[in-house]
């Protein structure tokens, strides 16, 4: 299958995603990232929230994958802190939303995008957002 045939559904999926809440979600996450980055302790968490904002802006055609540079114990500790304070609630919300969207046939592609966000919500440190090659 050629990449041009896959590009059209990705483009349409991203447009529909943005119209039905994705853009508002992006703005909310960007605002939260700015708020977190105002404190010295919150900067690493703010950067991870900006990862969410990037993926939420155009989720079709992108995925969170392990990065080339993994910081080892520091990433592990930050992931544990993230999971305790932010991650499990966020992941649960994304999983429930994805499950509800997958009830209908039309909602399945959008539900799968929420499941993609669950992975990023649980352990964002050490992950990068990359384009999925067809």
Protein backbone atom coordinates (compact mmCIF):
# COMPACT_ATOMS: atom_id res chain seq x y z
CA UNK A 1 0.00 0.00 0.00
CA UNK A 2 1.47 3.37 -0.95
CA UNK A 3 2.13 6.07 1.60
CA UNK A 4 -0.15 8.47 -0.27
CA UNK A 5 -3.15 6.17 0.30
CA UNK A 6 -2.38 6.11 4.03
CA UNK A 7 -1.77 9.87 4.22
CA UNK A 8 -5.37 10.77 3.33
CA UNK A 9 -7.02 8.80 6.19
CA UNK A 10 -4.39 10.13 8.61
CA UNK A 11 -5.06 13.69 7.48
CA UNK A 12 -8.84 13.25 7.74
CA UNK A 13 -8.49 11.56 11.12
CA UNK A 14 -6.38 14.44 12.43
CA UNK A 15 -8.84 17.05 11.10
CA UNK A 16 -11.83 15.27 12.69
CA UNK A 17 -9.82 14.82 15.91
CA UNK A 18 -9.01 18.56 16.04
CA UNK A 19 -12.58 19.64 15.32
CA UNK A 20 -14.14 17.40 17.98
CA UNK A 21 -11.97 18.35 20.93
CA UNK A 22 -8.36 17.76 19.97
CA UNK A 23 -7.54 21.44 19.55
CA UNK A 24 -9.10 22.32 22.91
CA UNK A 25 -7.21 19.40 24.48
CA UNK A 26 -3.98 20.73 22.89
CA UNK A 27 -4.56 24.25 24.25
CA UNK A 28 -5.34 22.90 27.73
CA UNK A 29 -2.20 20.76 27.81
CA UNK A 30 -0.05 23.62 26.51
CA UNK A 31 -1.38 25.90 29.25
CA UNK A 32 -0.69 23.22 31.88
CA UNK A 33 2.85 22.77 30.51
CA UNK A 34 3.49 26.51 30.78
CA UNK A 35 2.19 26.53 34.37
CA UNK A 36 4.45 23.61 35.34
CA UNK A 37 7.48 25.22 33.67
CA UNK A 38 7.09 28.33 35.84
CA UNK A 39 8.65 26.47 38.75
CA UNK A 40 12.11 24.96 38.77
CA UNK A 41 10.87 21.63 40.13
CA UNK A 42 8.03 21.48 37.62
CA UNK A 43 10.13 21.95 34.46
CA UNK A 44 10.74 18.22 33.78
CA UNK A 45 7.03 17.52 34.24
CA UNK A 46 6.09 20.50 32.06
CA UNK A 47 8.27 19.14 29.26
CA UNK A 48 6.45 15.80 29.46
CA UNK A 49 3.11 17.61 29.30
CA UNK A 50 4.32 19.32 26.11
CA UNK A 51 4.94 15.81 24.70
CA UNK A 52 1.26 15.11 25.30
CA UNK A 53 0.34 18.36 23.59
CA UNK A 54 2.39 17.45 20.50
CA UNK A 55 0.84 14.00 20.26
CA UNK A 56 -2.66 15.32 20.90
CA UNK A 57 -2.33 17.89 18.12
CA UNK A 58 -1.93 15.21 15.41
CA UNK A 59 -2.24 11.71 16.88
CA UNK A 60 -2.85 9.88 13.61
CA UNK A 61 0.50 8.95 12.08
CA UNK A 62 2.57 9.51 15.24
CA UNK A 63 3.42 7.35 18.23
CA UNK A 64 5.39 7.50 21.47
CA UNK A 65 8.44 5.25 21.17
CA UNK A 66 11.53 4.75 23.35
CA UNK A 67 14.05 7.47 22.63
CA UNK A 68 17.64 7.05 21.52
CA UNK A 69 18.82 8.56 24.79
CA UNK A 70 17.40 6.88 27.87
CA UNK A 71 18.61 8.49 31.08
CA UNK A 72 18.58 5.30 33.13
CA UNK A 73 17.93 5.69 36.85
CA UNK A 74 16.91 9.35 36.54
CA UNK A 75 14.19 8.51 34.01
CA UNK A 76 13.09 5.61 36.20
CA UNK A 77 12.76 7.83 39.30
CA UNK A 78 10.94 10.56 37.34
CA UNK A 79 8.59 7.97 35.82
CA UNK A 80 7.78 6.63 39.30
CA UNK A 81 7.04 10.16 40.57
CA UNK A 82 4.97 10.87 37.46
CA UNK A 83 3.03 7.62 37.88
CA UNK A 84 2.25 8.33 41.54
CA UNK A 85 1.17 11.96 41.14
CA UNK A 86 -0.20 12.26 37.58
CA UNK A 87 0.12 9.11 35.54
CA UNK A 88 -2.32 6.57 36.84
CA UNK A 89 -5.26 9.00 36.91
CA UNK A 90 -4.49 10.28 33.44
CA UNK A 91 -3.97 6.76 32.04
CA UNK A 92 -7.22 5.57 33.60
CA UNK A 93 -9.11 8.49 32.05
CA UNK A 94 -7.59 7.82 28.62
CA UNK A 95 -8.31 4.08 28.89
CA UNK A 96 -11.96 4.62 29.86
CA UNK A 97 -12.43 7.21 27.09
CA UNK A 98 -10.79 4.89 24.56
CA UNK A 99 -12.96 1.99 25.67
CA UNK A 100 -16.13 4.06 25.37
CA UNK A 101 -15.15 5.26 21.91
CA UNK A 102 -14.45 1.70 20.78
CA UNK A 103 -18.05 0.70 21.49
CA UNK A 104 -19.08 2.20 18.14
CA UNK A 105 -17.50 1.33 14.81
CA UNK A 106 -16.99 5.01 13.96
CA UNK A 107 -15.25 5.64 17.28
CA UNK A 108 -12.71 2.80 17.02
CA UNK A 109 -9.94 4.81 15.29
CA UNK A 110 -10.31 7.57 17.88
CA UNK A 111 -10.42 5.09 20.75
CA UNK A 112 -7.15 3.59 19.52
CA UNK A 113 -5.57 7.05 19.66
CA UNK A 114 -6.59 7.33 23.31
CA UNK A 115 -5.01 3.93 23.98
CA UNK A 116 -1.82 5.32 22.43
CA UNK A 117 -1.98 8.17 24.95
CA UNK A 118 -2.27 5.65 27.82
CA UNK A 119 1.28 4.45 27.12
CA UNK A 120 2.57 8.01 27.25
CA UNK A 121 0.49 8.80 30.36
CA UNK A 122 2.02 5.97 32.37
CA UNK A 123 5.75 6.43 31.66
CA UNK A 124 6.53 9.56 29.61
CA UNK A 125 10.19 9.98 30.57
CA UNK A 126 12.43 8.31 27.98
CA UNK A 127 9.76 8.31 25.24
CA UNK A 128 9.83 10.39 22.07
CA UNK A 129 7.08 11.27 19.62
CA UNK A 130 7.92 9.96 16.16
CA UNK A 131 6.17 9.63 12.83
CA UNK A 132 4.93 6.14 12.05
CA UNK A 133 6.24 5.00 8.68
CA UNK A 134 3.74 3.04 6.57
